[in-house]
Each structure stands twice: as structure tokens, then as C-alpha cells.
Amino acid sequence: ICLCLEAHSKILYHLGFRNTVNHTSLSRANESRDYRIFEGLGFYLIGLVRPMYSKVQLSDITIDDVIYALDSTTISTSIKLAAWALGKYSKGAVKMHTLLDLRGSIPTNIHITDGKWHDSNELDMLTPEPFAFYV
């Protein structure tokens, strides 16, 4: 975000910004904001973009229905900073489970859990769509 703002510094000046915004200032400003602001913006943008890619054909796949891929990534954290985020081997970890619509590679669901949450548990959290394929 900060790099994009810096790249458009002349435009920002006309919008009333005298200087570019650095990442520390942005981080401090976002500390007090409720996460639901970003969650709502994310859902709005996903809803806007998904219809644009709904008719995109996947190469070498002849299925016309929606195809989803479930993937997760583990992010190591300090237990002192995130005591709730217990991972394996008494280390801190946060796991981000992403359900990806393969037409356009757009995430349709993101669920953040502690590091011990297994991917098979995430399947129980999903509401299956009729005629959709899950990989």
C-alpha cells in the first residue's frame, strides 16, 4: 500500500496529502480499527470480481461447474505476541485456510485458526455448493 501511495505522490498532493504515508503510520492507524471494516471490504471486492471470471475456461478441464481448491499456509508467530495461536512443538503459529475458486484464482473463503487446526477440520466448516467440485 505504501509503495503504491509513494508511486502516486503527485496525485496524493492534489488530494490533500503533503507527504507520503509510511508503513509505521499506517500500522498505528490500523491498530485501532475494527477488523470488520477490512472483512466487509474484502467480501465486497470478492463479490464484485467473481462474476467477471465465472465464464473463464480452465485449460485441459472440461467441467463447466465451479471448481474449488482448499489450501492452507502456516505462519510462525511468537507465543508471547499471540498466546492463543499455539502450533506444533510448543511454538506459536497461525494457520490461514483459503478456499480458492480456480476460475480466476479468487479466494471465496479465508479462515484463520491456530496452528494445530487440521485441514480436514476445515472441510467440516464449509457449506457445500450444489454441483461444485472441491479439491
Foldseek 3Di string as FASTA:
>chain_A
DQVVQVVPVVVVVVVPDPDGDDPVNVVVVCVPDDCVVVVVVLQVVLVVCVVVQLQPDDPPDPDNAWEKEKDKDKDWDQCVVPVQQAAPPRTGIKMWIFIFGVRVRGTPDIDIHHHHDDPVVVVVVDDDDPPYHYD
